[in-house]
Amino acid sequence: MAYKPKYAAKSTSALRRERSAPRDAGRRESNAGGVGIAPPRKQNKGIRLVSILLGIVVIPASLLLTAMLLNFVYTHVGRPKETSPRVDSGFTVAGPFLQDAAERENSAAQALAATAAPQATEPPTEPPVVHLHYEIPADAAVAPKPDQSKFGQSNDPKVLQGVLDGAAWLLDGQQTYFDPNGERFAEDDQVRWFQDESMLALSWKEVHDGSVYTYAEIKIQDASQFRRHLAGGEYGSNALFKTTEMAETVNAVVASGGDYYRNRTNFGAVVYEGKVRRLDGTYAETCYIDRNGDMHFTYGGDVLTTQAAQSFVDEHEIQFSLAFGPILVDNGQPTTFTWYGVGEINEEYARAALCQMGPLHYIVMTANTEGSYQQVPTVAAFQKHVIATGAVNAYCIDGGQTASIVMNNQLVNRPVKGEQRLISDIIYFATAVPEGE
């Protein structure tokens, strides 16, 4: 018989015979009544019991958990995303986390959409315009030269309204008597203006009661721009000049004849540079301009001594005076008069007046003959049209051939006989913007 290794492979039939041999031997021994070793049946029962339990409890439980896990994966991973993810009611612990994740995803999507979408932006706002405050130094003999590019003229209401709109910040709510759509003298319907960062000035003509009225309306930024100039540059000078000549000398934007103080040596209070230079207050009505540019009045008999006049000047901080008259409007109230010491009030005569409309706001006006209009008014008739401007205060200054209005060194109105008179003083309004700025 050939040799076979100990662990040589056996045939299938041999293996079967070996596995069944112990059982057969056991049975034979039992049947023979011999003593033998019984197989460990109790141990086999325990093993079978464990196997049964595994098969009945553990395996089904595992299968159930596996099925639930697969369902969760299918629901939350494998399926297409829904608007709101479904959370299985069996997973009470995982639910809040899933909800939080969904909310975060939704927020991220919204943020991404907001970033991608074009943002609606408000138009940028214009920064506010800052207007510098200008003033003419107290010791300045003349004013700065006005910028010629700031002068203009037109009869187009839209253009004229644009001039007013451009000066709205300077007017600061005050209304102008000038009306861009108003009726004007047909033979000279041009409105002349000057506008810069320190003042607005407009000049035009209207026809009233057969006379041609010339107006110059002025709004200034600082009281230093309302000034008085004496011919020769000092009080008491014997020099006489035309209004246009003196206006050019001091760089006036608008100028008017004053009170011709040299023509009446004993009438009213003459104040210049804050000092009383001459006084006769018996019956004269005098106009004073204070450091704020406001008008004040004294009536005949109010101040009869130089000391009393100087006390009045100091108390009200008066800069200069005009001695002519009469007073036409005082603190908004028209005055009445039947006689006055100067000015031919009851005769028909060319007239001139200084009016204050409000703070740093004035009108200078004259009534003359021009063209086919050859009438001139009495003081009472003239006063009616002064009141119509809405002036708070108004005062007659020298009329006749002295009544003149100059703008940019050019005579605007037509004086008596068509010529200016040589006079001793003017009042004028000037820019405060330094030349070249």
Protein backbone atom coordinates (compact mmCIF):
# COMPACT_ATOMS: atom_id res chain seq x y z
CA MET A 1 0.00 0.00 0.00
CA ALA A 2 1.46 3.32 -0.95
CA TYR A 3 2.46 5.88 1.69
CA LYS A 4 0.11 8.94 2.18
CA PRO A 5 1.01 12.12 4.09
CA LYS A 6 -0.75 12.65 7.39
CA TYR A 7 -2.68 15.64 6.09
CA ALA A 8 -3.29 14.33 2.69
CA ALA A 9 -6.64 15.19 1.23
CA LYS A 10 -9.31 12.68 1.73
CA SER A 11 -12.08 11.71 -0.50
CA THR A 12 -15.51 13.05 0.15
CA SER A 13 -16.86 9.58 0.86
CA ALA A 14 -14.10 8.95 3.38
CA LEU A 15 -14.84 12.23 5.17
CA ARG A 16 -18.46 11.31 5.41
CA ARG A 17 -17.56 7.91 6.88
CA GLU A 18 -15.32 9.52 9.51
CA ARG A 19 -17.99 12.07 10.60
CA SER A 20 -20.59 9.34 11.02
CA ALA A 21 -18.26 6.84 12.71
CA PRO A 22 -18.51 8.23 16.29
CA ARG A 23 -22.25 8.29 16.12
CA ASP A 24 -22.37 4.70 14.90
CA ALA A 25 -19.85 3.61 17.53
CA GLY A 26 -21.79 5.30 20.24
CA ARG A 27 -24.93 3.68 19.16
CA ARG A 28 -23.20 0.30 19.03
CA GLU A 29 -21.74 0.74 22.49
CA SER A 30 -25.07 1.75 23.90
CA ASN A 31 -26.80 -1.05 22.28
CA ALA A 32 -24.13 -3.39 23.57
CA GLY A 33 -24.55 -2.15 27.13
CA GLY A 34 -20.98 -1.13 27.30
CA VAL A 35 -19.58 1.88 29.01
CA GLY A 36 -18.96 4.88 26.69
CA ILE A 37 -18.70 8.69 26.67
CA ALA A 38 -21.96 10.43 25.84
CA PRO A 39 -21.84 13.42 23.51
CA PRO A 40 -22.13 16.90 25.16
CA ARG A 41 -25.83 17.41 24.48
CA LYS A 42 -26.28 20.25 27.02
CA GLN A 43 -23.58 22.29 25.37
CA ASN A 44 -25.18 21.79 22.00
CA LYS A 45 -28.53 22.98 23.42
CA GLY A 46 -26.97 26.24 24.68
CA ILE A 47 -25.38 26.87 21.35
CA ARG A 48 -28.62 26.18 19.57
CA LEU A 49 -30.47 28.51 22.01
CA VAL A 50 -28.06 31.36 21.31
CA SER A 51 -28.40 30.74 17.60
CA ILE A 52 -32.16 30.80 17.90
CA LEU A 53 -32.06 34.08 19.83
CA LEU A 54 -29.72 35.55 17.26
CA GLY A 55 -32.03 34.49 14.53
CA ILE A 56 -35.19 35.70 16.21
CA VAL A 57 -34.06 39.02 17.85
CA VAL A 58 -30.68 40.32 16.81
CA ILE A 59 -30.81 39.61 13.14
CA PRO A 60 -34.31 41.06 12.63
CA ALA A 61 -33.35 44.09 14.72
CA SER A 62 -30.24 44.57 12.61
CA LEU A 63 -32.28 44.21 9.47
CA LEU A 64 -34.77 46.76 10.78
CA LEU A 65 -32.03 49.26 11.63
CA THR A 66 -30.44 48.66 8.25
CA ALA A 67 -33.76 49.29 6.54
CA MET A 68 -34.29 52.49 8.52
CA LEU A 69 -30.79 53.69 7.69
CA LEU A 70 -31.32 52.98 4.02
CA ASN A 71 -34.62 54.85 4.17
CA PHE A 72 -32.90 57.85 5.77
CA VAL A 73 -30.16 57.79 3.14
CA TYR A 74 -32.72 57.55 0.37
CA THR A 75 -34.86 60.30 1.86
CA HIS A 76 -32.16 62.85 2.63
CA VAL A 77 -29.33 62.00 0.29
CA GLY A 78 -30.49 59.97 -2.66
CA ARG A 79 -33.73 61.85 -3.42
CA PRO A 80 -33.80 65.23 -5.17
CA LYS A 81 -33.94 68.16 -2.71
CA GLU A 82 -37.36 69.42 -1.82
CA THR A 83 -38.34 72.91 -0.74
CA SER A 84 -38.26 71.72 2.87
CA PRO A 85 -36.38 68.45 3.72
CA ARG A 86 -38.59 65.74 5.27
CA VAL A 87 -37.42 64.61 8.69
CA ASP A 88 -38.34 61.07 9.66
CA SER A 89 -40.31 61.06 12.89
CA GLY A 90 -38.24 58.16 14.20
CA PHE A 91 -35.09 60.27 14.33
CA THR A 92 -35.92 62.70 17.11
CA VAL A 93 -32.25 63.45 17.83
CA ALA A 94 -31.17 64.07 14.22
CA GLY A 95 -34.22 66.26 13.42
CA PRO A 96 -33.01 69.61 14.91
CA PHE A 97 -29.64 69.24 13.22
CA LEU A 98 -31.26 68.61 9.87
CA GLN A 99 -33.55 71.63 10.32
CA ASP A 100 -30.62 73.87 11.26
CA ALA A 101 -28.69 72.65 8.22
CA ALA A 102 -31.64 73.43 5.97
CA GLU A 103 -31.98 76.92 7.41
CA ARG A 104 -28.27 77.59 6.91
CA GLU A 105 -28.49 76.37 3.34
CA ASN A 106 -31.49 78.64 2.69
CA SER A 107 -29.69 81.67 4.19
CA ALA A 108 -26.61 80.96 2.10
CA ALA A 109 -28.72 80.73 -1.05
CA GLN A 110 -30.42 84.04 -0.28
CA ALA A 111 -27.07 85.74 0.39
CA LEU A 112 -25.70 84.41 -2.89
CA ALA A 113 -28.77 85.63 -4.78
CA ALA A 114 -28.50 89.07 -3.17
CA THR A 115 -24.85 89.27 -4.16
CA ALA A 116 -25.55 88.24 -7.72
CA ALA A 117 -28.55 90.56 -8.18
CA PRO A 118 -27.85 94.20 -9.14
CA GLN A 119 -28.15 96.42 -6.09
CA ALA A 120 -30.54 99.39 -6.20
CA THR A 121 -28.57 102.45 -5.15
CA GLU A 122 -29.82 105.94 -4.32
CA PRO A 123 -28.43 108.75 -6.46
CA PRO A 124 -25.59 110.57 -4.75
CA THR A 125 -26.69 113.75 -2.99
CA GLU A 126 -25.04 117.04 -3.83
CA PRO A 127 -22.88 118.35 -1.01
CA PRO A 128 -24.24 121.60 0.44
CA VAL A 129 -22.77 124.75 -1.06
CA VAL A 130 -20.77 126.69 1.48
CA HIS A 131 -20.98 130.48 1.03
CA LEU A 132 -18.18 132.46 2.57
CA HIS A 133 -18.99 135.65 4.44
CA TYR A 134 -17.31 138.74 3.02
CA GLU A 135 -17.02 142.24 4.41
CA ILE A 136 -15.17 145.40 3.45
CA PRO A 137 -12.57 146.46 6.03
CA ALA A 138 -13.65 149.48 8.08
CA ASP A 139 -10.58 151.48 7.06
CA ALA A 140 -10.92 150.77 3.31
CA ALA A 141 -11.16 154.00 1.31
CA VAL A 142 -12.68 152.20 -1.67
CA ALA A 143 -14.46 148.90 -2.23
CA PRO A 144 -13.09 145.95 -4.24
CA LYS A 145 -13.56 146.14 -7.99
CA PRO A 146 -16.59 144.14 -9.11
CA ASP A 147 -16.09 141.21 -11.45
CA GLN A 148 -17.38 142.36 -14.83
CA SER A 149 -18.51 138.85 -15.70
CA LYS A 150 -21.11 139.11 -12.90
CA PHE A 151 -23.02 141.89 -14.70
CA GLY A 152 -25.74 141.08 -17.18
CA GLN A 153 -28.99 142.24 -18.74
CA SER A 154 -32.07 140.62 -20.27
CA ASN A 155 -35.82 140.99 -20.68
CA ASP A 156 -36.49 137.23 -20.70
CA PRO A 157 -38.55 136.29 -17.60
CA LYS A 158 -36.93 132.84 -17.45
CA VAL A 159 -33.45 134.33 -17.41
CA LEU A 160 -34.48 136.87 -14.78
CA GLN A 161 -36.07 134.20 -12.62
CA GLY A 162 -32.82 132.26 -12.87
CA VAL A 163 -30.97 135.29 -11.47
CA LEU A 164 -33.32 135.39 -8.48
CA ASP A 165 -33.02 131.63 -7.97
CA GLY A 166 -29.25 131.92 -7.96
CA ALA A 167 -29.45 134.49 -5.15
CA ALA A 168 -32.04 132.61 -3.06
CA TRP A 169 -29.42 131.76 -0.44
CA LEU A 170 -28.56 135.48 -0.09
CA LEU A 171 -32.19 136.62 0.06
CA ASP A 172 -32.75 134.00 2.77
CA GLY A 173 -36.53 134.05 2.48
CA GLN A 174 -36.93 137.78 1.80
CA GLN A 175 -39.16 138.63 -1.15
CA THR A 176 -38.08 141.03 -3.86
CA TYR A 177 -40.24 143.83 -5.14
CA PHE A 178 -38.82 143.07 -8.57
CA ASP A 179 -41.06 140.76 -10.59
CA PRO A 180 -39.52 138.92 -13.58
CA ASN A 181 -42.92 139.00 -15.30
CA GLY A 182 -43.77 142.61 -14.42
CA GLU A 183 -44.57 145.32 -16.96
CA ARG A 184 -41.68 147.65 -17.73
CA PHE A 185 -40.92 150.82 -19.63
CA ALA A 186 -41.26 149.71 -23.27
CA GLU A 187 -38.51 151.97 -24.61
CA ASP A 188 -35.98 150.41 -22.22
CA ASP A 189 -37.30 147.10 -20.99
CA GLN A 190 -33.91 145.59 -20.21
CA VAL A 191 -33.29 144.52 -16.63
CA ARG A 192 -29.69 145.00 -15.56
CA TRP A 193 -28.20 142.91 -12.78
CA PHE A 194 -25.10 142.08 -10.81
CA GLN A 195 -24.76 138.90 -8.79
CA ASP A 196 -21.78 137.50 -6.93
CA GLU A 197 -21.08 135.79 -3.61
CA SER A 198 -21.71 138.97 -1.60
CA MET A 199 -24.59 140.80 -3.27
CA LEU A 200 -27.49 140.90 -5.71
CA ALA A 201 -28.46 144.09 -7.56
CA LEU A 202 -31.22 144.58 -10.15
CA SER A 203 -32.18 147.75 -12.02
CA TRP A 204 -35.24 148.34 -14.20
CA LYS A 205 -37.85 150.94 -15.21
CA GLU A 206 -41.63 151.19 -14.85
CA VAL A 207 -44.19 153.80 -15.90
CA HIS A 208 -46.51 155.31 -13.27
CA ASP A 209 -48.78 158.36 -13.58
CA GLY A 210 -46.98 159.67 -16.64
CA SER A 211 -43.51 159.43 -15.04
CA VAL A 212 -40.72 156.92 -15.64
CA TYR A 213 -39.68 155.33 -12.34
CA THR A 214 -36.22 153.80 -12.18
CA TYR A 215 -35.56 151.20 -9.48
CA ALA A 216 -32.40 149.61 -8.17
CA GLU A 217 -33.06 146.78 -5.73
CA ILE A 218 -30.07 145.59 -3.73
CA LYS A 219 -29.45 142.75 -1.27
CA ILE A 220 -26.04 142.68 0.38
CA GLN A 221 -24.32 140.19 2.63
CA ASP A 222 -22.69 142.61 5.07
CA ALA A 223 -23.50 146.14 6.26
CA SER A 224 -20.01 147.28 5.26
CA GLN A 225 -21.21 147.12 1.63
CA PHE A 226 -23.62 150.06 2.14
CA ARG A 227 -21.39 153.13 2.04
CA ARG A 228 -21.23 156.88 1.63
CA HIS A 229 -18.59 158.77 -0.30
CA LEU A 230 -17.86 162.50 -0.08
CA ALA A 231 -16.36 164.30 -3.07
CA GLY A 232 -12.67 164.90 -2.42
CA GLY A 233 -12.60 161.92 -0.01
CA GLU A 234 -13.12 163.96 3.15
CA TYR A 235 -15.73 166.03 4.95
CA GLY A 236 -15.73 169.73 4.03
CA SER A 237 -14.02 169.36 0.66
CA ASN A 238 -15.06 171.91 -1.93
CA ALA A 239 -14.77 169.32 -4.71
CA LEU A 240 -17.86 168.47 -6.76
CA PHE A 241 -18.25 165.55 -9.14
CA LYS A 242 -20.90 163.71 -11.12
CA THR A 243 -22.44 160.61 -9.62
CA THR A 244 -20.89 158.40 -12.33
CA GLU A 245 -17.44 159.83 -11.63
CA MET A 246 -17.59 159.21 -7.90
CA ALA A 247 -19.12 155.75 -8.43
CA GLU A 248 -16.19 154.73 -10.61
CA THR A 249 -13.68 156.12 -8.11
CA VAL A 250 -14.95 153.91 -5.28
CA ASN A 251 -15.83 150.81 -7.40
CA ALA A 252 -19.57 151.05 -6.76
CA VAL A 253 -21.87 148.41 -8.20
CA VAL A 254 -24.90 150.72 -7.71
CA ALA A 255 -24.73 154.39 -6.71
CA SER A 256 -27.19 157.23 -6.19
CA GLY A 257 -26.91 160.93 -5.57
CA GLY A 258 -26.94 161.69 -1.83
CA ASP A 259 -28.17 164.80 -0.03
CA TYR A 260 -25.73 167.34 -1.60
CA TYR A 261 -24.69 168.37 1.89
CA ARG A 262 -22.50 171.21 0.62
CA ASN A 263 -25.53 172.95 -0.88
CA ARG A 264 -27.27 173.46 2.51
CA THR A 265 -24.83 174.50 5.19
CA ASN A 266 -27.46 174.83 7.94
CA PHE A 267 -29.87 171.95 7.60
CA GLY A 268 -30.18 168.69 9.51
CA ALA A 269 -27.52 166.57 11.17
CA VAL A 270 -24.47 165.66 9.11
CA VAL A 271 -22.77 162.52 10.46
CA TYR A 272 -19.73 161.02 8.78
CA GLU A 273 -17.55 158.15 10.04
CA GLY A 274 -19.53 158.03 13.28
CA LYS A 275 -19.05 161.71 14.22
CA VAL A 276 -21.50 164.62 14.14
CA ARG A 277 -19.97 167.16 11.78
CA ARG A 278 -22.77 169.69 11.64
CA LEU A 279 -26.22 170.16 13.20
CA ASP A 280 -29.35 172.17 12.68
CA GLY A 281 -32.20 170.09 13.98
CA THR A 282 -34.89 172.73 14.31
CA TYR A 283 -37.27 171.33 11.72
CA ALA A 284 -35.19 168.94 9.61
CA GLU A 285 -35.99 165.22 9.40
CA THR A 286 -32.72 163.30 9.24
CA CYS A 287 -32.00 159.72 8.19
CA TYR A 288 -29.19 157.73 9.86
CA ILE A 289 -27.55 154.43 8.84
CA ASP A 290 -26.21 152.31 11.69
CA ARG A 291 -23.46 149.68 11.72
CA ASN A 292 -26.00 146.97 10.84
CA GLY A 293 -27.20 148.84 7.76
CA ASP A 294 -30.55 149.81 9.31
CA MET A 295 -32.25 153.17 8.86
CA HIS A 296 -33.15 155.44 11.81
CA PHE A 297 -34.91 158.81 11.85
CA THR A 298 -35.07 161.94 13.93
CA TYR A 299 -37.80 164.57 13.40
CA GLY A 300 -37.59 168.35 13.74
CA GLY A 301 -36.81 169.28 17.35
CA ASP A 302 -35.63 165.79 18.42
CA VAL A 303 -31.96 166.76 18.61
CA LEU A 304 -31.06 170.41 19.01
CA THR A 305 -27.47 170.26 20.27
CA THR A 306 -24.35 168.60 18.99
CA GLN A 307 -24.02 166.75 22.31
CA ALA A 308 -27.57 165.37 22.04
CA ALA A 309 -26.95 164.38 18.43
CA GLN A 310 -23.69 162.65 19.31
CA SER A 311 -25.40 160.75 22.14
CA PHE A 312 -27.98 159.53 19.62
CA VAL A 313 -25.22 158.53 17.21
CA ASP A 314 -23.27 156.64 19.90
CA GLU A 315 -26.34 154.88 21.27
CA HIS A 316 -27.41 153.58 17.85
CA GLU A 317 -23.89 153.06 16.48
CA ILE A 318 -24.56 155.38 13.53
CA GLN A 319 -22.06 155.33 10.68
CA PHE A 320 -23.37 158.21 8.53
CA SER A 321 -26.47 160.33 7.94
CA LEU A 322 -28.46 161.89 5.11
CA ALA A 323 -30.00 165.32 5.65
CA PHE A 324 -32.77 166.00 3.19
CA GLY A 325 -36.26 164.51 3.67
CA PRO A 326 -39.05 164.30 4.35
CA ILE A 327 -39.53 160.83 5.87
CA LEU A 328 -41.95 158.81 3.69
CA VAL A 329 -42.36 155.55 5.65
CA ASP A 330 -41.35 155.05 9.29
CA ASN A 331 -41.35 151.51 10.70
CA GLY A 332 -43.89 150.37 8.12
CA GLN A 333 -46.22 153.37 8.63
CA PRO A 334 -46.67 156.05 5.95
CA THR A 335 -46.09 159.56 7.23
CA THR A 336 -48.25 162.65 6.62
CA PHE A 337 -47.01 166.16 5.88
CA THR A 338 -48.37 169.47 4.58
CA TRP A 339 -45.20 171.48 4.67
CA TYR A 340 -41.47 170.85 4.72
CA GLY A 341 -38.50 173.17 4.89
CA VAL A 342 -36.77 171.84 1.79
CA GLY A 343 -37.58 169.73 -1.18
CA GLU A 344 -40.52 171.51 -2.80
CA ILE A 345 -42.88 168.84 -1.57
CA ASN A 346 -46.03 170.29 -3.08
CA GLU A 347 -44.56 171.06 -6.48
CA GLU A 348 -44.09 168.61 -9.31
CA TYR A 349 -40.44 167.72 -9.30
CA ALA A 350 -38.04 164.88 -10.13
CA ARG A 351 -37.78 162.73 -7.02
CA ALA A 352 -35.43 160.23 -5.39
CA ALA A 353 -35.75 158.01 -2.33
CA LEU A 354 -33.84 155.47 -0.27
CA CYS A 355 -36.00 152.56 0.96
CA GLN A 356 -35.19 149.71 3.33
CA MET A 357 -37.10 146.51 2.55
CA GLY A 358 -35.63 144.34 5.29
CA PRO A 359 -32.26 143.45 6.81
CA LEU A 360 -29.53 144.47 4.33
CA HIS A 361 -32.18 144.82 1.62
CA TYR A 362 -32.79 148.16 -0.11
CA ILE A 363 -34.36 149.97 -3.04
CA VAL A 364 -33.15 153.24 -4.49
CA MET A 365 -35.76 154.79 -6.79
CA THR A 366 -36.21 157.93 -8.87
CA ALA A 367 -39.08 159.50 -10.84
CA ASN A 368 -38.03 161.38 -13.98
CA THR A 369 -39.22 162.36 -17.45
CA GLU A 370 -38.21 160.18 -20.37
CA GLY A 371 -39.47 159.57 -23.88
CA SER A 372 -43.14 160.40 -24.22
CA TYR A 373 -43.61 160.43 -20.41
CA GLN A 374 -43.06 164.00 -19.29
CA GLN A 375 -44.78 164.11 -15.90
CA VAL A 376 -43.01 164.36 -12.55
CA PRO A 377 -44.74 163.85 -9.16
CA THR A 378 -45.32 165.76 -5.97
CA VAL A 379 -43.92 164.17 -2.81
CA ALA A 380 -47.36 162.76 -1.96
CA ALA A 381 -47.73 161.19 -5.42
CA PHE A 382 -44.20 159.84 -5.21
CA GLN A 383 -44.86 158.46 -1.73
CA LYS A 384 -47.75 156.35 -3.08
CA HIS A 385 -45.38 154.36 -5.28
CA VAL A 386 -42.78 154.13 -2.52
CA ILE A 387 -45.39 152.55 -0.26
CA ALA A 388 -46.26 150.10 -3.05
CA THR A 389 -42.79 148.56 -2.80
CA GLY A 390 -43.55 147.34 0.73
CA ALA A 391 -40.70 149.34 2.23
CA VAL A 392 -40.30 149.27 6.02
CA ASN A 393 -38.53 152.65 6.04
CA ALA A 394 -38.23 155.24 3.27
CA TYR A 395 -36.70 158.71 3.02
CA CYS A 396 -36.48 161.37 0.32
CA ILE A 397 -32.97 162.23 -0.83
CA ASP A 398 -32.03 165.13 -3.08
CA GLY A 399 -34.17 165.23 -6.24
CA GLY A 400 -34.22 167.42 -9.30
CA GLN A 401 -31.06 167.14 -11.36
CA THR A 402 -29.34 165.31 -8.48
CA ALA A 403 -31.79 162.38 -8.77
CA SER A 404 -29.63 159.78 -10.50
CA ILE A 405 -28.99 156.04 -10.42
CA VAL A 406 -25.74 154.55 -11.70
CA MET A 407 -24.94 150.88 -12.26
CA ASN A 408 -21.53 149.65 -13.35
CA ASN A 409 -20.48 153.28 -13.88
CA GLN A 410 -23.31 153.84 -16.37
CA LEU A 411 -26.20 156.24 -15.80
CA VAL A 412 -29.41 154.19 -15.78
CA ASN A 413 -32.13 156.85 -15.48
CA ARG A 414 -32.53 160.15 -17.30
CA PRO A 415 -31.96 163.14 -15.00
CA VAL A 416 -33.57 166.53 -15.54
CA LYS A 417 -32.33 168.03 -18.84
CA GLY A 418 -30.67 164.68 -19.54
CA GLU A 419 -27.51 165.65 -17.68
CA GLN A 420 -26.03 164.91 -14.29
CA ARG A 421 -25.35 167.68 -11.82
CA LEU A 422 -22.00 168.13 -10.10
CA ILE A 423 -22.66 167.22 -6.44
CA SER A 424 -20.76 166.68 -3.20
CA ASP A 425 -21.65 163.12 -2.18
CA ILE A 426 -23.17 159.78 -3.12
CA ILE A 427 -24.46 156.69 -1.38
CA TYR A 428 -23.44 153.41 -2.94
CA PHE A 429 -23.49 149.62 -2.67
CA ALA A 430 -20.37 147.57 -3.38
CA THR A 431 -19.20 144.00 -3.61
CA ALA A 432 -17.17 142.69 -0.69
CA VAL A 433 -15.50 139.90 -2.69
CA PRO A 434 -11.80 140.76 -3.05
CA GLU A 435 -10.68 141.46 -6.58
CA GLY A 436 -9.60 138.33 -8.42
CA GLU A 437 -11.07 135.90 -5.89
